[in-house]
Amino acid sequence: PSPSPEALPALASTVTGRGERALVMGRVLRAGGIEMVQALISDEEGVLQLQLQEASRSIWRRILKDGLEQGGTVELPQHEAAALLAEAAGLNLRAHTPFPEGLDVALRHFGVQPQLEPTTLPQPEPEDVRHALDGDLLHETPELAAWLPPESITRRLLAKLDEVVVSPLALSDVQRQDQLQGAVRTVTQEYFTPDMSRRYALRLWRMADFFERTGRKREAEVARGEARRLFHGATQPFSRFAQHLFEKVVGLVAAAGAREEAAARRAGKAPGASAPSPTEAAPTQERRSPGGLILP
């Protein structure tokens, strides 16, 4: 019998705050070249973009090398990357997202079919309660520091903060701070519905694997613990990861206000004259290719 074809390693990018990541996979051809698949996948819509092309081994090696050196990517065994592609293709079917050209061929060539059932996660473990209290630490990682709520939800939070800031009530600093924290808590809990909690749980589950492959054991444990609890609806104590996703918005708004105040002082204006309201200082999320990989 002829020998089995060589299983080439694959690349996967970090997961973005929108639940998108890039995959790069390769398959050895009989003629000696590489059939290369580059895909952009989303945990909301499935496979969004896909490029299928032939490349030389030297180009393949360069893509792997450059992807790992620039950061934001990890190497995966080919079968794991193929499983991620199959999972995303199954989401295409459930979300009624049209298959991009070449997806059928890529699935067939890598020996997988669309995953028909949604991915599930294991039940929470006893230690996960402790991890839930440490979940805000995940936002200190370079990868999750950029995660923010969707802009429409951010605007809703900022409108509530505006109400507190401009309230005619005579509030002490402590009372005002309590009201601001209450606004953050309310919007966070409204946003993290069971469906949204499961979506973020799967994002954290993937990021736990990313952390583990990049030598960050503690972050991997916390991410897995938070993922299990979010997926199965554990709310006591409430997820610090979820809460801090919105607290970061408040921090960004405060930082923007401080910069405006400093600029006003340098320009000789009265303090507060040009400070933006929370809504005006709302952060925006740039759309970037996950991991900086070559994509169509």
Protein backbone atom coordinates (compact mmCIF):
# COMPACT_ATOMS: atom_id res chain seq x y z
CA PRO A 1 0.00 0.00 0.00
CA SER A 2 1.13 3.56 -0.65
CA PRO A 3 2.25 5.51 2.43
CA SER A 4 -0.23 7.88 4.07
CA PRO A 5 0.22 11.48 2.97
CA GLU A 6 2.19 13.67 5.34
CA ALA A 7 -0.07 15.52 7.82
CA LEU A 8 1.08 19.12 7.77
CA PRO A 9 0.65 21.40 10.80
CA ALA A 10 -2.00 24.12 10.64
CA LEU A 11 -2.26 27.65 12.02
CA ALA A 12 -5.10 29.19 14.00
CA SER A 13 -5.30 32.82 15.04
CA THR A 14 -6.54 34.16 18.33
CA VAL A 15 -10.30 34.68 18.65
CA THR A 16 -11.37 38.30 18.22
CA GLY A 17 -13.98 40.08 20.31
CA ARG A 18 -16.42 39.41 17.48
CA GLY A 19 -15.83 35.67 17.69
CA GLU A 20 -13.82 35.51 14.47
CA ARG A 21 -10.56 33.70 13.82
CA ALA A 22 -8.43 32.65 10.87
CA LEU A 23 -7.34 29.14 9.92
CA VAL A 24 -4.55 28.11 7.56
CA MET A 25 -4.32 24.45 6.55
CA GLY A 26 -2.20 22.57 4.04
CA ARG A 27 -2.35 19.21 2.28
CA VAL A 28 0.46 17.54 0.35
CA LEU A 29 -0.36 16.98 -3.32
CA ARG A 30 0.87 14.04 -5.38
CA ALA A 31 2.93 16.38 -7.53
CA GLY A 32 4.78 17.57 -4.43
CA GLY A 33 3.18 20.96 -3.90
CA ILE A 34 0.78 22.04 -1.16
CA GLU A 35 -2.95 22.61 -1.43
CA MET A 36 -3.49 25.50 0.97
CA VAL A 37 -6.75 26.56 2.60
CA GLN A 38 -7.11 29.95 4.27
CA ALA A 39 -10.42 30.57 6.01
CA LEU A 40 -12.04 33.24 8.15
CA ILE A 41 -14.58 31.68 10.50
CA SER A 42 -17.18 33.25 12.78
CA ASP A 43 -19.01 31.78 15.76
CA GLU A 44 -22.17 33.57 14.61
CA GLU A 45 -22.27 32.83 10.88
CA GLY A 46 -19.75 30.05 10.19
CA VAL A 47 -17.17 30.18 7.38
CA LEU A 48 -17.20 33.76 6.05
CA GLN A 49 -14.30 33.64 3.59
CA LEU A 50 -12.23 30.84 2.12
CA GLN A 51 -9.36 30.73 -0.31
CA LEU A 52 -8.17 27.45 -1.82
CA GLN A 53 -4.91 27.53 -3.77
CA GLU A 54 -1.76 25.60 -4.59
CA ALA A 55 1.57 26.70 -3.15
CA SER A 56 5.13 25.47 -3.16
CA ARG A 57 6.61 23.96 -0.03
CA SER A 58 8.87 26.98 0.39
CA ILE A 59 5.90 29.38 0.34
CA TRP A 60 4.04 27.12 2.78
CA ARG A 61 6.98 27.10 5.19
CA ARG A 62 7.27 30.88 4.94
CA ILE A 63 3.57 31.37 5.72
CA LEU A 64 3.85 29.15 8.81
CA LYS A 65 7.03 30.90 9.95
CA ASP A 66 5.69 34.41 9.40
CA GLY A 67 2.37 33.58 11.07
CA LEU A 68 4.04 32.31 14.23
CA GLU A 69 6.67 35.06 14.38
CA GLN A 70 4.21 37.95 14.12
CA GLY A 71 2.21 36.59 17.07
CA GLY A 72 -1.48 36.08 17.56
CA THR A 73 -1.38 32.56 16.10
CA VAL A 74 -0.67 29.04 17.31
CA GLU A 75 0.21 25.84 15.51
CA LEU A 76 -2.44 23.09 15.55
CA PRO A 77 -2.42 19.48 14.38
CA GLN A 78 -4.14 19.24 11.02
CA HIS A 79 -7.02 17.12 12.34
CA GLU A 80 -7.87 19.74 15.00
CA ALA A 81 -7.93 22.55 12.45
CA ALA A 82 -10.10 20.41 10.16
CA ALA A 83 -12.51 19.86 13.06
CA LEU A 84 -12.75 23.64 13.57
CA LEU A 85 -13.53 24.08 9.88
CA ALA A 86 -16.20 21.36 10.07
CA GLU A 87 -17.71 22.99 13.17
CA ALA A 88 -17.87 26.35 11.39
CA ALA A 89 -19.38 24.77 8.25
CA GLY A 90 -22.13 23.26 10.39
CA LEU A 91 -22.89 26.75 11.66
CA ASN A 92 -23.20 27.93 8.05
CA LEU A 93 -26.04 25.44 7.67
CA ARG A 94 -27.80 26.40 10.91
CA ALA A 95 -27.37 30.15 10.32
CA HIS A 96 -28.28 29.87 6.62
CA THR A 97 -24.97 31.45 5.65
CA PRO A 98 -24.08 30.53 2.05
CA PHE A 99 -20.99 28.33 1.69
CA PRO A 100 -18.12 30.38 0.24
CA GLU A 101 -16.70 28.97 -2.97
CA GLY A 102 -14.32 26.08 -2.32
CA LEU A 103 -15.64 25.12 1.11
CA ASP A 104 -17.19 21.85 -0.09
CA VAL A 105 -13.89 20.91 -1.74
CA ALA A 106 -11.84 21.85 1.33
CA LEU A 107 -14.05 19.77 3.64
CA ARG A 108 -13.81 16.77 1.34
CA HIS A 109 -10.05 17.04 0.86
CA PHE A 110 -9.44 17.23 4.62
CA GLY A 111 -11.78 14.33 5.32
CA VAL A 112 -14.50 16.08 7.33
CA GLN A 113 -18.18 16.97 6.98
CA PRO A 114 -20.15 19.89 8.44
CA GLN A 115 -20.75 19.33 12.16
CA LEU A 116 -24.53 19.17 12.37
CA GLU A 117 -24.95 19.50 16.15
CA PRO A 118 -23.74 22.55 18.10
CA THR A 119 -20.63 22.07 20.22
CA THR A 120 -21.29 21.50 23.94
CA LEU A 121 -18.99 21.96 26.92
CA PRO A 122 -18.48 19.83 30.06
CA GLN A 123 -20.35 20.58 33.26
CA PRO A 124 -18.72 23.03 35.72
CA GLU A 125 -16.17 21.67 38.19
CA PRO A 126 -15.89 22.64 41.89
CA GLU A 127 -12.83 24.84 41.29
CA ASP A 128 -14.66 26.85 38.65
CA VAL A 129 -16.29 29.08 41.29
CA ARG A 130 -12.84 30.37 42.21
CA HIS A 131 -12.04 30.86 38.53
CA ALA A 132 -15.23 32.91 38.14
CA LEU A 133 -13.88 35.36 40.73
CA ASP A 134 -10.62 35.67 38.77
CA GLY A 135 -12.27 36.05 35.37
CA ASP A 136 -11.46 39.75 35.07
CA LEU A 137 -7.76 38.81 34.89
CA LEU A 138 -8.38 37.40 31.42
CA HIS A 139 -8.89 40.96 30.16
CA GLU A 140 -5.28 41.71 31.12
CA THR A 141 -4.03 39.38 28.39
CA PRO A 142 -3.07 41.07 25.10
CA GLU A 143 -5.64 38.98 23.26
CA LEU A 144 -8.70 39.74 25.42
CA ALA A 145 -7.70 43.32 26.25
CA ALA A 146 -9.16 44.26 22.86
CA TRP A 147 -12.50 42.52 23.47
CA LEU A 148 -15.38 44.97 23.91
CA PRO A 149 -19.16 44.59 23.77
CA PRO A 150 -20.84 45.26 20.40
CA GLU A 151 -21.16 48.95 19.66
CA SER A 152 -24.96 48.97 19.98
CA ILE A 153 -24.71 47.54 23.51
CA THR A 154 -21.89 49.92 24.37
CA ARG A 155 -24.12 52.83 23.38
CA ARG A 156 -26.88 51.51 25.63
CA LEU A 157 -24.46 51.39 28.58
CA LEU A 158 -23.15 54.87 27.86
CA ALA A 159 -26.67 56.26 27.70
CA LYS A 160 -27.29 54.88 31.20
CA LEU A 161 -24.01 56.38 32.41
CA ASP A 162 -25.06 59.73 30.92
CA GLU A 163 -28.28 59.57 32.95
CA VAL A 164 -26.28 59.18 36.16
CA VAL A 165 -23.70 61.85 35.28
CA VAL A 166 -26.28 64.52 34.38
CA SER A 167 -28.80 63.52 37.05
CA PRO A 168 -30.33 66.56 38.81
CA LEU A 169 -30.31 64.64 42.09
CA ALA A 170 -27.82 65.80 44.70
CA LEU A 171 -25.74 62.64 44.97
CA SER A 172 -22.60 62.14 47.00
CA ASP A 173 -19.56 60.72 45.20
CA VAL A 174 -20.23 57.35 46.83
CA GLN A 175 -23.89 57.34 45.74
CA ARG A 176 -22.96 58.35 42.20
CA GLN A 177 -20.33 55.61 42.05
CA ASP A 178 -22.89 53.07 43.29
CA GLN A 179 -25.31 54.15 40.57
CA LEU A 180 -22.62 53.90 37.89
CA GLN A 181 -21.70 50.40 39.06
CA GLY A 182 -25.38 49.47 39.13
CA ALA A 183 -25.77 50.63 35.52
CA VAL A 184 -22.82 48.46 34.47
CA ARG A 185 -24.25 45.48 36.34
CA THR A 186 -27.70 45.87 34.80
CA VAL A 187 -26.50 46.16 31.20
CA THR A 188 -24.06 43.26 31.66
CA GLN A 189 -26.76 40.93 32.94
CA GLU A 190 -29.18 42.01 30.21
CA TYR A 191 -26.56 41.32 27.54
CA PHE A 192 -25.48 37.91 28.83
CA THR A 193 -28.62 36.02 27.93
CA PRO A 194 -28.34 32.19 27.92
CA ASP A 195 -27.56 32.21 24.18
CA MET A 196 -24.97 34.98 24.49
CA SER A 197 -23.41 33.29 27.53
CA ARG A 198 -22.96 30.08 25.54
CA ARG A 199 -21.39 32.01 22.68
CA TYR A 200 -18.85 33.67 24.96
CA ALA A 201 -18.28 30.34 26.72
CA LEU A 202 -17.16 28.77 23.45
CA ARG A 203 -14.92 31.76 22.71
CA LEU A 204 -13.27 31.36 26.10
CA TRP A 205 -12.97 27.60 25.59
CA ARG A 206 -11.04 28.22 22.35
CA MET A 207 -8.93 30.87 24.02
CA ALA A 208 -8.11 28.48 26.87
CA ASP A 209 -6.54 26.18 24.28
CA PHE A 210 -4.71 29.18 22.81
CA PHE A 211 -3.37 30.16 26.25
CA GLU A 212 -2.26 26.60 26.94
CA ARG A 213 -0.39 26.37 23.65
CA THR A 214 1.36 29.66 24.43
CA GLY A 215 2.49 28.56 27.89
CA ARG A 216 -0.07 30.39 30.06
CA LYS A 217 -1.47 27.69 32.30
CA ARG A 218 -3.23 29.94 34.81
CA GLU A 219 -5.07 31.90 32.11
CA ALA A 220 -6.06 28.62 30.46
CA GLU A 221 -7.52 27.28 33.72
CA VAL A 222 -9.47 30.47 34.42
CA ALA A 223 -10.80 30.62 30.85
CA ARG A 224 -11.95 26.99 30.98
CA GLY A 225 -13.62 27.49 34.35
CA GLU A 226 -15.44 30.60 33.18
CA ALA A 227 -16.40 28.82 29.95
CA ARG A 228 -17.99 25.86 31.73
CA ARG A 229 -19.97 28.10 34.09
CA LEU A 230 -21.17 30.47 31.37
CA PHE A 231 -22.17 27.61 29.08
CA HIS A 232 -24.30 25.92 31.73
CA GLY A 233 -25.89 29.07 33.14
CA ALA A 234 -24.14 29.34 36.53
CA THR A 235 -24.78 32.88 37.80
CA GLN A 236 -23.74 32.82 41.48
CA PRO A 237 -21.23 34.32 41.76
CA PHE A 238 -21.74 36.29 38.57
CA SER A 239 -18.94 36.05 36.01
CA ARG A 240 -16.19 38.59 36.62
CA PHE A 241 -15.12 38.06 33.02
CA ALA A 242 -18.56 39.22 31.85
CA GLN A 243 -18.71 42.14 34.28
CA HIS A 244 -15.26 43.42 33.33
CA LEU A 245 -16.12 43.31 29.62
CA PHE A 246 -18.35 46.32 30.36
CA GLU A 247 -16.19 47.86 33.09
CA LYS A 248 -13.49 48.29 30.45
CA VAL A 249 -15.84 50.58 28.54
CA VAL A 250 -16.19 52.80 31.62
CA GLY A 251 -12.41 52.85 31.99
CA LEU A 252 -11.95 53.87 28.35
CA VAL A 253 -14.50 56.65 28.72
CA ALA A 254 -12.80 57.91 31.89
CA ALA A 255 -9.42 57.87 30.16
CA ALA A 256 -10.84 59.79 27.19
CA GLY A 257 -12.30 62.37 29.57
CA ALA A 258 -8.96 62.75 31.36
CA ARG A 259 -7.17 63.30 28.05
CA GLU A 260 -9.71 65.96 27.06
CA GLU A 261 -9.30 67.71 30.41
CA ALA A 262 -5.52 67.70 30.04
CA ALA A 263 -5.78 69.06 26.50
CA ALA A 264 -8.15 71.79 27.69
CA ARG A 265 -5.73 72.85 30.42
CA ARG A 266 -2.88 73.01 27.93
CA ALA A 267 -5.06 75.14 25.64
CA GLY A 268 -5.99 77.44 28.52
CA LYS A 269 -9.66 76.50 28.55
CA ALA A 270 -11.75 76.08 31.68
CA PRO A 271 -11.55 72.53 33.09
CA GLY A 272 -14.50 70.48 31.88
CA ALA A 273 -15.33 72.91 29.07
CA SER A 274 -14.50 70.40 26.36
CA ALA A 275 -14.76 67.12 28.22
CA PRO A 276 -16.81 64.61 26.23
CA SER A 277 -19.90 62.96 27.60
CA PRO A 278 -19.65 59.19 28.02
CA THR A 279 -21.55 58.71 24.75
CA GLU A 280 -19.21 61.02 22.83
CA ALA A 281 -16.21 59.16 24.21
CA ALA A 282 -17.56 55.76 23.22
CA PRO A 283 -14.87 53.39 21.98
CA THR A 284 -15.20 51.99 18.48
CA GLN A 285 -14.06 48.57 17.33
CA GLU A 286 -11.91 48.48 14.24
CA ARG A 287 -12.40 45.54 11.96
CA ARG A 288 -9.13 43.68 11.54
CA SER A 289 -8.12 40.38 10.02
CA PRO A 290 -7.71 38.00 12.98
CA GLY A 291 -4.06 37.26 13.65
CA GLY A 292 -2.96 39.29 10.64
CA LEU A 293 -2.98 36.20 8.44
CA ILE A 294 -3.19 36.34 4.66
CA LEU A 295 -6.89 36.28 3.83
CA PRO A 296 -8.90 36.75 0.62
